[in-house]
């Protein structure tokens, strides 16, 4: 019977929602290739003999008694964690925890973490979650979880420590760039439920789409907003900041909504049989509406594929800060009903052939996050919107004629507040650039 494999795109140790894994059958990965020549067979036998001898010594002489099963377990854990930052051995508990993540409801903090240079690093806090409300930032390093140091700790172990019952407290110690010393952050765990896509309207004709993570409904939700929220849009701002990734098919599908030809992303592994290309289709693609994509250091994997592909295919201008740089593919391969191996089997490449792994996506326009710097207003200064309303009012007094009917306004709940734009210099830059793109398209 064929075994099922979980394939994770951008699935770091994560405390967010379901949908970061999907199922696929990869029989080629399950058939280990045995050596065929005598030298290779001899070398393999010698290595296995060495392992058996060491295991025998540990079983006999280690100060704490260990069973053969325990020794094998520790050996597997060491093997997988030494391959790369994202591979690991999943015992019964860890494998069950992984399954829980696919079902989507558990007590957590709302952060995605990964290993960078051996340090447990926050990839992104998720909006509205305890981590976000506590002020945790992308690129913060978690030094301690409660009293336990994270140095040498696996991602899976760190995730398990941070997960817990809703309402239970937890304290983590954080190292942040620019801060003189580590500081403690106290949080209360909560059930992590996230709306992965939401939309706002800016200036009645620009559609702002925020994608928090790539779950299984992202493409469907974006299509709805494109068709119903603002069907006569003149520009699109796609916000992928602090988006840690998710499902590959949703990343490819999202790009496909805006391009009609070309390779979106390719996957290259050790074996040719693992190589794949994901190409755009011409079905109902919006290739004309001016578009800007926002990214930052918390944008990883699936969000890097989307932003990098749209950049390479000359479909959008990318704005913000350099992304995280996570472009490897992990599969979860069950080895029994209760245990599995998470293994890196391939890397992703953008349309131009460039890799994402450890490199990331560099924006076309780099902009730091912060408040928008405005010119000081004096007593005679009138905002553009106020000036327009005042002039229309004065015109009515003079002309005594009915003013033209204004175009239909969108639902006020969908309108982005000016204060939000003023507090986000990256968004303001994106807005300015998309307006320029609209003008140059005419």
Protein backbone atom coordinates (compact mmCIF):
# COMPACT_ATOMS: atom_id res chain seq x y z
CA UNK A 1 0.00 0.00 0.00
CA UNK A 2 1.28 3.40 -0.93
CA UNK A 3 2.14 5.67 1.96
CA UNK A 4 0.95 9.25 2.09
CA UNK A 5 3.36 12.11 2.52
CA UNK A 6 2.72 15.54 3.94
CA UNK A 7 4.46 18.18 1.84
CA UNK A 8 5.08 21.50 3.51
CA UNK A 9 5.97 24.70 1.72
CA UNK A 10 7.42 27.16 4.18
CA UNK A 11 6.30 25.04 7.09
CA UNK A 12 8.63 26.18 9.82
CA UNK A 13 7.88 25.36 13.42
CA UNK A 14 4.59 27.21 13.52
CA UNK A 15 1.94 28.25 16.01
CA UNK A 16 -0.71 29.49 13.64
CA UNK A 17 -3.42 27.69 11.66
CA UNK A 18 -4.31 24.66 9.63
CA UNK A 19 -3.52 24.38 5.97
CA UNK A 20 0.23 24.56 5.99
CA UNK A 21 0.47 20.95 4.87
CA UNK A 22 -1.05 19.01 2.02
CA UNK A 23 -1.06 15.36 0.96
CA UNK A 24 0.70 13.85 -2.02
CA UNK A 25 2.01 10.45 -2.99
CA UNK A 26 5.72 10.29 -3.80
CA UNK A 27 6.60 6.63 -4.35
CA UNK A 28 10.00 7.57 -5.73
CA UNK A 29 11.01 8.90 -2.31
CA UNK A 30 10.01 5.73 -0.53
CA UNK A 31 12.25 3.35 -2.46
CA UNK A 32 15.76 3.67 -1.07
CA UNK A 33 18.42 3.03 -3.68
CA UNK A 34 20.72 0.23 -2.60
CA UNK A 35 24.33 0.34 -3.82
CA UNK A 36 25.13 -1.92 -6.75
CA UNK A 37 28.95 -2.07 -6.91
CA UNK A 38 31.10 -4.07 -4.49
CA UNK A 39 33.01 -1.08 -3.11
CA UNK A 40 29.81 0.75 -2.23
CA UNK A 41 28.34 -2.38 -0.64
CA UNK A 42 31.46 -2.86 1.47
CA UNK A 43 31.47 0.78 2.56
CA UNK A 44 27.80 0.60 3.52
CA UNK A 45 28.40 -2.58 5.55
CA UNK A 46 31.38 -1.00 7.33
CA UNK A 47 29.37 2.10 8.25
CA UNK A 48 26.46 0.05 9.59
CA UNK A 49 28.88 -2.09 11.61
CA UNK A 50 30.38 1.06 13.13
CA UNK A 51 26.92 2.28 14.08
CA UNK A 52 26.02 -1.07 15.64
CA UNK A 53 29.28 -1.11 17.66
CA UNK A 54 28.68 2.41 19.02
CA UNK A 55 25.08 1.56 19.86
CA UNK A 56 26.27 -1.55 21.72
CA UNK A 57 28.77 0.51 23.76
CA UNK A 58 26.12 3.08 24.69
CA UNK A 59 23.69 0.35 25.73
CA UNK A 60 26.32 -1.33 27.96
CA UNK A 61 28.22 1.57 29.52
CA UNK A 62 26.15 4.79 29.44
CA UNK A 63 25.67 6.11 32.96
CA UNK A 64 21.90 6.14 32.48
CA UNK A 65 20.46 2.87 31.21
CA UNK A 66 18.96 3.10 27.73
CA UNK A 67 17.00 0.55 25.76
CA UNK A 68 17.84 -0.19 22.13
CA UNK A 69 14.64 1.64 21.10
CA UNK A 70 15.72 4.75 23.02
CA UNK A 71 19.19 4.68 21.46
CA UNK A 72 17.75 4.34 17.96
CA UNK A 73 15.31 7.17 18.70
CA UNK A 74 18.10 9.51 19.79
CA UNK A 75 20.21 8.49 16.80
CA UNK A 76 17.41 9.33 14.38
CA UNK A 77 16.77 12.67 16.05
CA UNK A 78 20.45 13.57 15.81
CA UNK A 79 20.70 12.45 12.20
CA UNK A 80 17.75 14.49 10.96
CA UNK A 81 18.51 17.68 12.90
CA UNK A 82 22.08 17.64 11.61
CA UNK A 83 20.96 17.58 7.98
CA UNK A 84 19.46 21.10 7.96
CA UNK A 85 17.36 23.43 10.07
CA UNK A 86 14.04 22.07 8.78
CA UNK A 87 14.50 18.29 8.84
CA UNK A 88 13.54 16.32 11.94
CA UNK A 89 12.42 12.96 13.30
CA UNK A 90 8.81 13.01 14.53
CA UNK A 91 8.08 10.57 17.32
CA UNK A 92 4.49 9.67 18.21
CA UNK A 93 3.90 12.91 20.15
CA UNK A 94 5.50 15.20 17.56
CA UNK A 95 3.73 13.46 14.71
CA UNK A 96 0.39 13.87 16.47
CA UNK A 97 1.19 17.54 17.09
CA UNK A 98 1.87 17.95 13.38
CA UNK A 99 -1.54 16.48 12.59
CA UNK A 100 -3.17 18.81 15.12
CA UNK A 101 -1.70 21.77 13.25
CA UNK A 102 -3.48 20.66 10.07
CA UNK A 103 -6.82 20.70 11.91
CA UNK A 104 -6.31 24.28 12.90
CA UNK A 105 -7.43 24.90 16.48
CA UNK A 106 -5.02 24.87 19.40
CA UNK A 107 -3.71 27.14 22.08
CA UNK A 108 -0.70 29.07 20.85
CA UNK A 109 0.95 32.44 20.44
CA UNK A 110 0.45 33.21 16.75
CA UNK A 111 4.04 33.22 15.57
CA UNK A 112 6.00 31.29 12.99
CA UNK A 113 9.57 30.42 13.90
CA UNK A 114 12.56 29.14 12.00
CA UNK A 115 16.27 28.57 12.51
CA UNK A 116 18.64 31.25 11.25
CA UNK A 117 22.35 30.78 11.97
CA UNK A 118 21.44 28.34 14.74
CA UNK A 119 19.14 30.80 16.51
CA UNK A 120 15.40 30.32 17.01
CA UNK A 121 14.11 33.29 15.03
CA UNK A 122 10.62 34.71 14.66
CA UNK A 123 9.66 34.67 10.99
CA UNK A 124 6.41 36.52 11.49
CA UNK A 125 3.85 37.34 14.17
CA UNK A 126 0.29 36.89 12.89
CA UNK A 127 -2.09 39.84 13.07
CA UNK A 128 -4.47 39.89 16.00
CA UNK A 129 -2.77 37.04 17.89
CA UNK A 130 -1.13 37.19 21.35
CA UNK A 131 2.32 37.52 19.75
CA UNK A 132 1.21 40.45 17.61
CA UNK A 133 -0.51 42.21 20.51
CA UNK A 134 2.59 41.71 22.69
CA UNK A 135 4.71 43.54 20.12
CA UNK A 136 6.88 40.65 18.91
CA UNK A 137 8.57 41.40 15.59
CA UNK A 138 9.95 39.52 12.61
CA UNK A 139 13.65 38.72 13.16
CA UNK A 140 13.34 38.73 16.97
CA UNK A 141 15.39 35.86 18.41
CA UNK A 142 13.81 33.73 21.13
CA UNK A 143 16.59 33.06 23.63
CA UNK A 144 14.54 31.30 26.30
CA UNK A 145 11.09 29.76 26.62
CA UNK A 146 10.17 30.01 30.28
CA UNK A 147 13.39 28.85 31.97
CA UNK A 148 14.68 26.71 29.09
CA UNK A 149 17.38 27.95 26.73
CA UNK A 150 16.59 27.52 23.02
CA UNK A 151 20.27 27.07 22.12
CA UNK A 152 20.52 23.65 20.51
CA UNK A 153 16.76 23.15 20.75
CA UNK A 154 14.91 21.83 17.68
CA UNK A 155 12.11 23.85 16.10
CA UNK A 156 9.58 21.14 16.90
CA UNK A 157 10.55 21.11 20.59
CA UNK A 158 10.33 24.90 20.73
CA UNK A 159 6.88 24.84 19.14
CA UNK A 160 5.67 22.23 21.60
CA UNK A 161 6.89 24.30 24.53
CA UNK A 162 5.10 27.40 23.30
CA UNK A 163 1.83 25.62 22.56
CA UNK A 164 -0.55 25.02 25.45
CA UNK A 165 -4.04 25.46 26.82
CA UNK A 166 -5.98 28.61 25.98
CA UNK A 167 -5.57 31.17 28.76
CA UNK A 168 -2.33 29.72 30.12
CA UNK A 169 0.56 32.18 30.61
CA UNK A 170 4.03 31.88 29.10
CA UNK A 171 7.15 34.01 29.30
CA UNK A 172 9.76 34.13 26.55
CA UNK A 173 13.09 35.96 26.53
CA UNK A 174 13.78 37.89 23.34
CA UNK A 175 16.90 39.31 21.74
CA UNK A 176 16.09 42.19 19.38
CA UNK A 177 18.36 44.10 17.06
CA UNK A 178 18.93 47.59 18.43
CA UNK A 179 18.15 46.60 22.05
CA UNK A 180 21.06 46.63 24.50
CA UNK A 181 20.08 43.42 26.29
CA UNK A 182 17.53 40.59 26.14
CA UNK A 183 14.08 41.29 27.57
CA UNK A 184 11.16 39.18 28.73
CA UNK A 185 7.77 39.13 27.03
CA UNK A 186 4.78 37.72 28.92
CA UNK A 187 1.94 36.31 26.85
CA UNK A 188 -1.34 34.47 27.32
CA UNK A 189 -1.99 31.59 24.95
CA UNK A 190 -5.13 31.71 22.86
CA UNK A 191 -6.91 29.67 20.22
CA UNK A 192 -5.29 30.71 16.96
CA UNK A 193 -7.90 31.28 14.27
CA UNK A 194 -7.00 33.47 11.36
CA UNK A 195 -8.78 34.94 8.38
CA UNK A 196 -6.07 34.43 5.80
CA UNK A 197 -7.38 37.01 3.34
CA UNK A 198 -9.09 40.35 3.83
CA UNK A 199 -9.63 43.38 1.65
CA UNK A 200 -9.86 47.15 1.97
CA UNK A 201 -10.58 49.89 -0.53
CA UNK A 202 -8.41 52.99 -0.88
CA UNK A 203 -9.61 56.15 -2.67
CA UNK A 204 -12.62 54.28 -4.09
CA UNK A 205 -10.62 52.67 -6.90
CA UNK A 206 -7.61 50.83 -5.42
CA UNK A 207 -8.07 47.33 -3.96
CA UNK A 208 -5.84 46.44 -1.00
CA UNK A 209 -5.51 42.67 -0.43
CA UNK A 210 -3.84 41.41 2.74
CA UNK A 211 -2.82 37.74 2.76
CA UNK A 212 -1.79 36.55 6.21
CA UNK A 213 -0.92 32.96 5.29
CA UNK A 214 -1.48 30.59 2.39
CA UNK A 215 -4.22 28.24 3.53
CA UNK A 216 -6.42 26.17 1.22
CA UNK A 217 -8.90 28.98 0.46
CA UNK A 218 -6.58 31.85 -0.47
CA UNK A 219 -7.14 31.75 -4.25
CA UNK A 220 -10.89 31.38 -3.81
CA UNK A 221 -11.07 34.33 -1.39
CA UNK A 222 -8.91 36.57 -3.57
CA UNK A 223 -11.09 35.78 -6.60
CA UNK A 224 -14.17 36.83 -4.63
CA UNK A 225 -12.61 40.15 -3.66
CA UNK A 226 -11.42 40.82 -7.21
CA UNK A 227 -14.91 40.19 -8.58
CA UNK A 228 -17.16 41.63 -5.86
CA UNK A 229 -15.37 43.96 -3.46
CA UNK A 230 -14.14 46.35 -6.14
CA UNK A 231 -14.89 45.05 -9.66
CA UNK A 232 -13.95 48.39 -11.31
CA UNK A 233 -10.61 48.71 -9.56
CA UNK A 234 -7.86 50.74 -11.17
CA UNK A 235 -5.00 49.33 -9.09
CA UNK A 236 -4.12 46.49 -6.69
CA UNK A 237 -1.90 46.44 -3.61
CA UNK A 238 -1.02 42.90 -2.49
CA UNK A 239 0.32 42.86 1.08
CA UNK A 240 2.42 39.77 1.89
CA UNK A 241 4.31 41.24 4.85
CA UNK A 242 4.80 38.85 7.77
CA UNK A 243 3.29 36.05 5.70
CA UNK A 244 5.23 32.88 6.62
CA UNK A 245 3.96 30.74 3.75
CA UNK A 246 1.68 27.75 3.43
CA UNK A 247 0.37 25.75 0.50
CA UNK A 248 2.29 25.66 -2.75
CA UNK A 249 -0.79 25.22 -4.94
CA UNK A 250 -2.30 28.38 -3.45
CA UNK A 251 0.88 30.38 -4.11
CA UNK A 252 0.94 29.18 -7.72
CA UNK A 253 -2.80 29.76 -8.10
CA UNK A 254 -2.52 33.31 -6.78
CA UNK A 255 0.21 34.24 -9.26
CA UNK A 256 -1.86 32.61 -12.01
CA UNK A 257 -4.66 35.09 -11.33
CA UNK A 258 -2.41 37.88 -12.58
CA UNK A 259 -0.26 36.30 -15.32
CA UNK A 260 -1.24 34.25 -18.37
CA UNK A 261 2.05 32.69 -19.45
CA UNK A 262 5.48 31.63 -18.24
CA UNK A 263 6.90 29.48 -15.46
CA UNK A 264 5.70 30.59 -12.02
CA UNK A 265 8.09 28.45 -9.98
CA UNK A 266 10.16 25.32 -10.48
CA UNK A 267 11.17 22.63 -8.02
CA UNK A 268 14.55 20.93 -8.31
CA UNK A 269 15.69 18.03 -6.17
CA UNK A 270 18.42 15.45 -6.05
CA UNK A 271 16.60 13.18 -8.47
CA UNK A 272 15.31 14.31 -11.87
CA UNK A 273 12.00 12.63 -11.07
CA UNK A 274 11.52 15.19 -8.30
CA UNK A 275 11.91 18.17 -10.66
CA UNK A 276 8.71 20.00 -11.50
CA UNK A 277 7.62 23.20 -13.24
CA UNK A 278 4.46 25.10 -12.40
CA UNK A 279 3.27 27.15 -15.36
CA UNK A 280 0.73 29.94 -15.71
CA UNK A 281 -2.50 29.46 -17.61
CA UNK A 282 -4.41 32.06 -19.61
CA UNK A 283 -7.77 31.36 -17.97
CA UNK A 284 -9.41 34.54 -16.59
CA UNK A 285 -6.09 36.18 -15.70
CA UNK A 286 -5.98 39.90 -14.90
CA UNK A 287 -2.78 40.93 -16.64
CA UNK A 288 -3.54 44.65 -16.98
CA UNK A 289 -4.47 46.17 -13.63
CA UNK A 290 -1.42 47.99 -12.17
CA UNK A 291 -0.11 46.08 -9.19
CA UNK A 292 2.25 46.56 -6.24
CA UNK A 293 3.38 43.84 -3.80
CA UNK A 294 4.51 44.54 -0.24
CA UNK A 295 7.07 42.26 1.49
CA UNK A 296 9.36 42.37 4.53
CA UNK A 297 11.69 40.14 6.54
CA UNK A 298 8.66 38.17 7.75
CA UNK A 299 7.67 37.19 4.21
CA UNK A 300 8.77 33.60 3.62
CA UNK A 301 8.40 30.60 1.30
CA UNK A 302 4.98 30.81 -0.42
CA UNK A 303 4.89 34.60 -0.12
CA UNK A 304 8.42 34.73 -1.58
CA UNK A 305 7.31 32.59 -4.50
CA UNK A 306 4.40 34.95 -5.20
CA UNK A 307 6.36 38.19 -4.86
CA UNK A 308 9.43 36.83 -6.68
CA UNK A 309 7.40 35.37 -9.55
CA UNK A 310 5.39 38.56 -10.06
CA UNK A 311 8.67 40.50 -9.98
CA UNK A 312 10.46 38.20 -12.45
CA UNK A 313 7.48 38.15 -14.81
CA UNK A 314 7.38 41.99 -14.78
CA UNK A 315 3.81 41.91 -13.51
CA UNK A 316 4.20 43.90 -10.29
CA UNK A 317 6.49 46.32 -8.50
CA UNK A 318 7.76 44.86 -5.21
CA UNK A 319 8.13 47.28 -2.30
CA UNK A 320 9.37 47.00 1.30
CA UNK A 321 12.32 45.11 2.76
CA UNK A 322 14.17 41.95 1.75
CA UNK A 323 12.27 38.73 2.49
CA UNK A 324 13.35 35.90 4.79
CA UNK A 325 14.83 33.45 2.29
CA UNK A 326 13.07 30.09 2.73
CA UNK A 327 12.90 28.15 -0.52
CA UNK A 328 13.25 24.50 0.43
CA UNK A 329 10.68 21.72 0.28
CA UNK A 330 9.97 19.46 3.25
CA UNK A 331 8.01 16.22 3.13
CA UNK A 332 6.54 14.40 6.09
CA UNK A 333 7.10 10.68 5.44
CA UNK A 334 5.35 8.30 7.85
CA UNK A 335 7.53 5.34 8.84
CA UNK A 336 4.78 3.81 10.96
CA UNK A 337 1.26 4.68 12.11
CA UNK A 338 2.70 6.83 14.89
CA UNK A 339 6.07 8.12 13.66
CA UNK A 340 7.40 10.05 10.68
CA UNK A 341 10.41 11.82 9.21
CA UNK A 342 10.35 15.42 8.04
CA UNK A 343 12.98 15.70 5.31
CA UNK A 344 14.12 18.42 2.89
CA UNK A 345 13.91 16.93 -0.60
CA UNK A 346 14.07 19.88 -3.02
CA UNK A 347 14.47 23.64 -3.48
CA UNK A 348 12.30 26.14 -5.28
CA UNK A 349 13.46 28.47 -8.06
CA UNK A 350 11.79 31.59 -9.43
CA UNK A 351 11.00 32.16 -13.16
CA UNK A 352 14.42 33.74 -13.79
CA UNK A 353 16.13 30.67 -12.31
CA UNK A 354 17.25 32.40 -9.12
CA UNK A 355 16.90 30.61 -5.82
CA UNK A 356 15.04 31.86 -2.76
CA UNK A 357 16.88 29.72 -0.21
CA UNK A 358 19.04 31.83 2.12
CA UNK A 359 18.80 34.69 -0.41
CA UNK A 360 15.22 35.94 -0.31
CA UNK A 361 13.51 38.44 -2.59
CA UNK A 362 14.96 41.94 -2.84
CA UNK A 363 12.27 44.58 -3.42
CA UNK A 364 12.40 46.89 -6.43
CA UNK A 365 11.93 49.80 -4.03
CA UNK A 366 13.28 49.46 -0.49
CA UNK A 367 11.24 51.29 2.14
CA UNK A 368 11.60 51.13 5.92
CA UNK A 369 8.48 50.72 8.01
CA UNK A 370 7.39 53.73 10.07
CA UNK A 371 5.06 56.66 10.19
CA UNK A 372 4.65 58.84 7.14
CA UNK A 373 6.57 62.11 7.46
CA UNK A 374 4.30 64.99 6.54
CA UNK A 375 4.92 68.64 5.89
CA UNK A 376 3.82 70.83 8.76
CA UNK A 377 0.37 72.22 8.17
CA UNK A 378 -0.17 75.89 8.89
CA UNK A 379 -3.41 77.72 9.52
CA UNK A 380 -4.05 78.28 5.81
CA UNK A 381 -3.29 74.73 4.73
CA UNK A 382 -6.28 72.80 3.42
CA UNK A 383 -6.25 69.11 2.70
CA UNK A 384 -7.13 68.09 -0.84
CA UNK A 385 -10.36 66.40 0.19
CA UNK A 386 -11.40 69.41 2.30
CA UNK A 387 -10.56 71.81 -0.52
CA UNK A 388 -12.69 69.87 -2.99
CA UNK A 389 -15.70 69.83 -0.65
CA UNK A 390 -15.33 73.53 0.10
CA UNK A 391 -15.07 74.50 -3.56
CA UNK A 392 -18.14 72.42 -4.44
CA UNK A 393 -20.06 74.11 -1.65
CA UNK A 394 -18.99 77.57 -2.84
CA UNK A 395 -19.89 76.67 -6.41
CA UNK A 396 -23.43 75.79 -5.34
CA UNK A 397 -23.83 79.18 -3.68
CA UNK A 398 -22.69 81.00 -6.80
CA UNK A 399 -24.19 78.86 -9.50
CA UNK A 400 -27.40 77.72 -7.74
CA UNK A 401 -27.20 74.59 -9.85
CA UNK A 402 -27.32 71.01 -8.68
CA UNK A 403 -23.92 69.49 -8.41
CA UNK A 404 -23.25 66.28 -10.30
CA UNK A 405 -24.05 63.09 -8.45
CA UNK A 406 -21.06 61.48 -6.86
CA UNK A 407 -20.12 58.00 -7.93
CA UNK A 408 -21.36 55.23 -5.70
CA UNK A 409 -19.22 54.87 -2.59
CA UNK A 410 -18.10 51.47 -1.36
CA UNK A 411 -19.18 50.01 1.96
CA UNK A 412 -17.65 52.21 4.68
CA UNK A 413 -16.42 49.13 6.57
CA UNK A 414 -14.25 48.27 3.57
CA UNK A 415 -12.69 51.71 3.29
CA UNK A 416 -9.18 51.91 4.68
CA UNK A 417 -8.77 54.68 7.22
CA UNK A 418 -6.29 57.42 6.42
CA UNK A 419 -4.73 56.96 9.85
CA UNK A 420 -3.74 53.40 8.86
CA UNK A 421 -1.92 54.73 5.79
CA UNK A 422 -0.27 57.54 7.74
CA UNK A 423 1.15 55.02 10.22
CA UNK A 424 2.59 52.77 7.51
CA UNK A 425 5.26 54.33 5.30
CA UNK A 426 5.59 51.15 3.23
CA UNK A 427 1.88 51.10 2.45
CA UNK A 428 1.96 54.82 1.64
CA UNK A 429 4.82 54.22 -0.82
CA UNK A 430 2.91 51.34 -2.38
CA UNK A 431 -0.12 53.59 -2.77
CA UNK A 432 1.92 56.34 -4.39
CA UNK A 433 3.57 53.93 -6.83
CA UNK A 434 0.35 52.20 -7.85
CA UNK A 435 -1.16 55.64 -8.57
CA UNK A 436 1.81 56.44 -10.82
CA UNK A 437 1.35 53.09 -12.58
CA UNK A 438 -2.31 53.92 -13.14
CA UNK A 439 -1.42 57.27 -14.68
CA UNK A 440 1.26 55.80 -16.96
CA UNK A 441 -1.20 53.16 -18.18
CA UNK A 442 -3.59 55.75 -19.56
